[in-house]
Amino acid sequence: SEDPILAGTLTAAVTKGVQSKKSCGVTIKHFACNNQEDNRMGVDVHVSERALREIYLRGFEIAVKEGNPVSIMTSYNLINGIHAANSKDLCMTVARKEWGFEGIVMTDWWAVANWEGESQDRRNRAAMVQAQNDIFMVCPDTERENALDNIKAEYTIGKITRGQFQRNAKNVLKFALNSLAM
């Protein structure tokens, strides 16, 4: 919405209502600056810190703090050169540390990522792990496709750590343990 207060307040109310049923959880999306459909995986939204916080993040902040959703889905676009799916600023600093979000963060379906200053790449799932984006939607089932993923290579050279895997796994396990399946 163009009105972040209205969007955040309504999202928080809907989230609380849906999640009042023990078997239901809400995923709020698309985090953040998802303003167009055309070229949404490649568009780079250039926005100041002030505009980002006052316009684009404010609705999400209200929804997270007041509604306590179980998950957040990141958007496809880049924000100031970094894909939302692997933005440590968004996924860790803002959502988790500043707003106290304790749920899972997931990508949108078949998202792409990039290391700062590099081109986007669907295989760059290590950048998502590093940013505490807990779930890549959707992992293929074929060995050939999984071999194209860069997680093992980046772990081997120390760009991502075992602790980062454990942190993400903890988030997913906490989510699963709080589900009706358990």
Protein backbone atom coordinates (compact mmCIF):
# COMPACT_ATOMS: atom_id res chain seq x y z
CA SER A 1 0.00 0.00 0.00
CA GLU A 2 1.05 3.58 -0.43
CA ASP A 3 0.15 4.13 3.22
CA PRO A 4 2.54 2.11 5.39
CA ILE A 5 0.59 2.77 8.60
CA LEU A 6 -2.65 1.47 7.08
CA ALA A 7 -0.92 -1.50 5.43
CA GLY A 8 0.95 -2.45 8.60
CA THR A 9 -2.06 -2.07 10.88
CA LEU A 10 -4.32 -4.12 8.60
CA THR A 11 -1.65 -6.78 8.08
CA ALA A 12 -1.09 -7.07 11.83
CA ALA A 13 -4.84 -7.42 12.46
CA VAL A 14 -5.28 -10.07 9.76
CA THR A 15 -2.19 -11.90 11.03
CA LYS A 16 -3.49 -11.97 14.61
CA GLY A 17 -6.89 -13.14 13.41
CA VAL A 18 -5.52 -15.95 11.24
CA GLN A 19 -2.99 -17.05 13.84
CA SER A 20 -5.63 -17.13 16.58
CA LYS A 21 -6.41 -20.57 15.13
CA LYS A 22 -3.72 -22.88 16.43
CA SER A 23 -3.26 -24.59 13.08
CA CYS A 24 -2.63 -21.41 11.09
CA GLY A 25 0.35 -19.19 10.43
CA VAL A 26 0.86 -16.14 8.25
CA THR A 27 3.69 -15.33 5.86
CA ILE A 28 3.96 -11.62 5.15
CA LYS A 29 5.47 -10.70 1.82
CA HIS A 30 7.17 -9.39 -0.34
CA PHE A 31 9.93 -7.97 1.85
CA ALA A 32 10.75 -5.26 0.55
CA CYS A 33 10.38 -2.60 -2.16
CA ASN A 34 8.37 -4.93 -4.38
CA ASN A 35 6.80 -2.26 -6.57
CA GLN A 36 6.62 -3.79 -10.04
CA GLU A 37 5.96 -7.05 -11.84
CA ASP A 38 7.98 -6.37 -15.00
CA ASN A 39 11.59 -7.52 -14.55
CA ARG A 40 11.01 -8.01 -10.84
CA MET A 41 14.02 -10.36 -10.49
CA GLY A 42 16.34 -7.84 -12.09
CA VAL A 43 15.10 -4.43 -11.04
CA ASP A 44 17.38 -2.61 -8.64
CA VAL A 45 15.43 -0.25 -6.40
CA HIS A 46 17.67 2.64 -5.42
CA VAL A 47 16.28 4.17 -2.26
CA SER A 48 17.66 6.28 0.57
CA GLU A 49 17.82 4.90 4.10
CA ARG A 50 15.17 7.38 5.23
CA ALA A 51 12.70 6.53 2.45
CA LEU A 52 13.36 2.82 2.94
CA ARG A 53 12.56 2.99 6.64
CA GLU A 54 9.70 5.51 6.54
CA ILE A 55 7.88 4.22 3.46
CA TYR A 56 8.91 0.71 2.46
CA LEU A 57 9.75 -0.94 5.79
CA ARG A 58 7.30 0.80 8.13
CA GLY A 59 4.32 -1.38 7.17
CA PHE A 60 6.38 -4.53 7.65
CA GLU A 61 7.64 -3.24 10.99
CA ILE A 62 4.10 -2.71 12.27
CA ALA A 63 3.02 -6.12 10.95
CA VAL A 64 5.97 -7.88 12.64
CA LYS A 65 5.83 -6.06 15.97
CA GLU A 66 2.03 -6.12 16.37
CA GLY A 67 1.04 -9.22 14.40
CA ASN A 68 3.97 -11.55 15.11
CA PRO A 69 3.76 -13.52 11.83
CA VAL A 70 5.42 -16.94 11.69
CA SER A 71 7.33 -16.13 8.51
CA ILE A 72 8.47 -13.45 6.10
CA MET A 73 8.98 -13.99 2.37
CA THR A 74 11.59 -11.81 0.72
CA SER A 75 11.04 -10.15 -2.64
CA TYR A 76 12.84 -10.88 -5.92
CA ASN A 77 14.25 -7.40 -6.51
CA LEU A 78 17.55 -5.88 -5.60
CA ILE A 79 17.62 -3.01 -3.13
CA ASN A 80 20.59 -0.71 -3.59
CA GLY A 81 22.49 -3.44 -5.44
CA ILE A 82 21.72 -6.40 -3.14
CA HIS A 83 18.93 -8.91 -3.68
CA ALA A 84 16.37 -8.82 -0.88
CA ALA A 85 16.80 -12.60 -0.49
CA ASN A 86 20.39 -12.20 0.62
CA SER A 87 20.29 -8.82 2.30
CA LYS A 88 21.79 -9.13 5.77
CA ASP A 89 20.54 -5.62 6.47
CA LEU A 90 16.92 -6.68 5.84
CA CYS A 91 16.84 -10.29 7.03
CA MET A 92 19.08 -9.98 10.09
CA THR A 93 19.64 -6.41 11.19
CA VAL A 94 16.20 -4.92 10.57
CA ALA A 95 13.76 -7.84 10.90
CA ARG A 96 15.45 -9.89 13.59
CA LYS A 97 17.58 -7.52 15.63
CA GLU A 98 15.63 -4.26 15.43
CA TRP A 99 12.07 -5.63 15.24
CA GLY A 100 12.56 -8.83 17.25
CA PHE A 101 11.26 -11.16 14.51
CA GLU A 102 11.73 -14.77 15.62
CA GLY A 103 10.11 -16.69 12.76
CA ILE A 104 11.54 -18.01 9.55
CA VAL A 105 12.59 -15.96 6.55
CA MET A 106 12.14 -17.57 3.16
CA THR A 107 12.82 -16.58 -0.41
CA ASP A 108 10.19 -16.17 -3.04
CA TRP A 109 10.02 -19.11 -5.47
CA TRP A 110 13.26 -19.73 -7.38
CA ALA A 111 14.83 -16.52 -6.15
CA VAL A 112 18.24 -15.33 -7.22
CA ALA A 113 20.97 -13.79 -5.11
CA ASN A 114 24.24 -11.95 -5.46
CA TRP A 115 27.32 -11.12 -3.44
CA GLU A 116 27.79 -7.36 -3.20
CA GLY A 117 29.23 -6.04 -6.46
CA GLU A 118 28.60 -9.30 -8.36
CA SER A 119 25.93 -10.42 -10.81
CA GLN A 120 22.81 -12.27 -9.69
CA ASP A 121 22.92 -16.05 -9.80
CA ARG A 122 20.21 -18.61 -9.04
CA ARG A 123 22.93 -20.96 -7.71
CA ASN A 124 24.12 -18.47 -5.10
CA ARG A 125 22.30 -19.93 -2.15
CA ALA A 126 25.29 -19.38 0.13
CA ALA A 127 24.56 -15.64 0.16
CA MET A 128 21.07 -16.47 1.42
CA VAL A 129 22.45 -18.69 4.20
CA GLN A 130 24.81 -15.93 5.25
CA ALA A 131 21.97 -13.38 5.39
CA GLN A 132 19.87 -15.68 7.63
CA ASN A 133 17.31 -16.36 4.93
CA ASP A 134 16.36 -19.76 6.29
CA ILE A 135 14.55 -21.45 3.40
CA PHE A 136 15.20 -21.35 -0.33
CA MET A 137 11.94 -21.87 -2.19
CA VAL A 138 12.08 -24.31 -3.99
CA CYS A 139 14.98 -26.76 -3.91
CA PRO A 140 15.06 -29.10 -6.88
CA ASP A 141 15.12 -32.84 -6.31
CA THR A 142 17.65 -33.72 -8.98
CA GLU A 143 21.32 -34.29 -8.26
CA ARG A 144 22.35 -32.40 -11.38
CA GLU A 145 20.52 -29.26 -10.29
CA ASN A 146 21.74 -29.45 -6.68
CA ALA A 147 25.33 -29.75 -7.92
CA LEU A 148 24.95 -26.25 -9.32
CA ASP A 149 24.35 -24.81 -5.84
CA ASN A 150 27.37 -22.98 -4.35
CA ILE A 151 26.78 -23.77 -0.68
CA LYS A 152 29.36 -26.56 -0.32
CA ALA A 153 32.03 -24.62 -2.21
CA GLU A 154 31.50 -21.44 -0.18
CA TYR A 155 31.49 -23.43 3.08
CA THR A 156 34.75 -25.15 2.08
CA ILE A 157 36.52 -21.81 1.60
CA GLY A 158 35.01 -20.33 4.77
CA LYS A 159 32.69 -17.74 3.22
CA ILE A 160 29.79 -19.28 5.15
CA THR A 161 30.10 -21.11 8.46
CA ARG A 162 28.69 -24.11 10.26
CA GLY A 163 27.25 -21.68 12.82
CA GLN A 164 25.25 -19.95 10.08
CA PHE A 165 23.82 -23.32 8.99
CA GLN A 166 22.98 -24.17 12.59
CA ARG A 167 21.31 -20.81 13.16
CA ASN A 168 19.13 -21.24 10.07
CA ALA A 169 18.34 -24.86 10.95
CA LYS A 170 17.35 -23.75 14.46
CA ASN A 171 14.86 -21.27 13.00
CA VAL A 172 13.31 -23.95 10.75
CA LEU A 173 13.19 -26.53 13.55
CA LYS A 174 11.57 -24.05 15.93
CA PHE A 175 8.95 -23.37 13.26
CA ALA A 176 8.34 -27.10 12.75
CA LEU A 177 8.20 -27.87 16.47
CA ASN A 178 5.52 -25.21 16.93
CA SER A 179 3.39 -26.66 14.14
CA LEU A 180 0.45 -29.03 14.53
CA ALA A 181 2.54 -31.73 12.86
CA MET A 182 4.44 -32.01 16.13
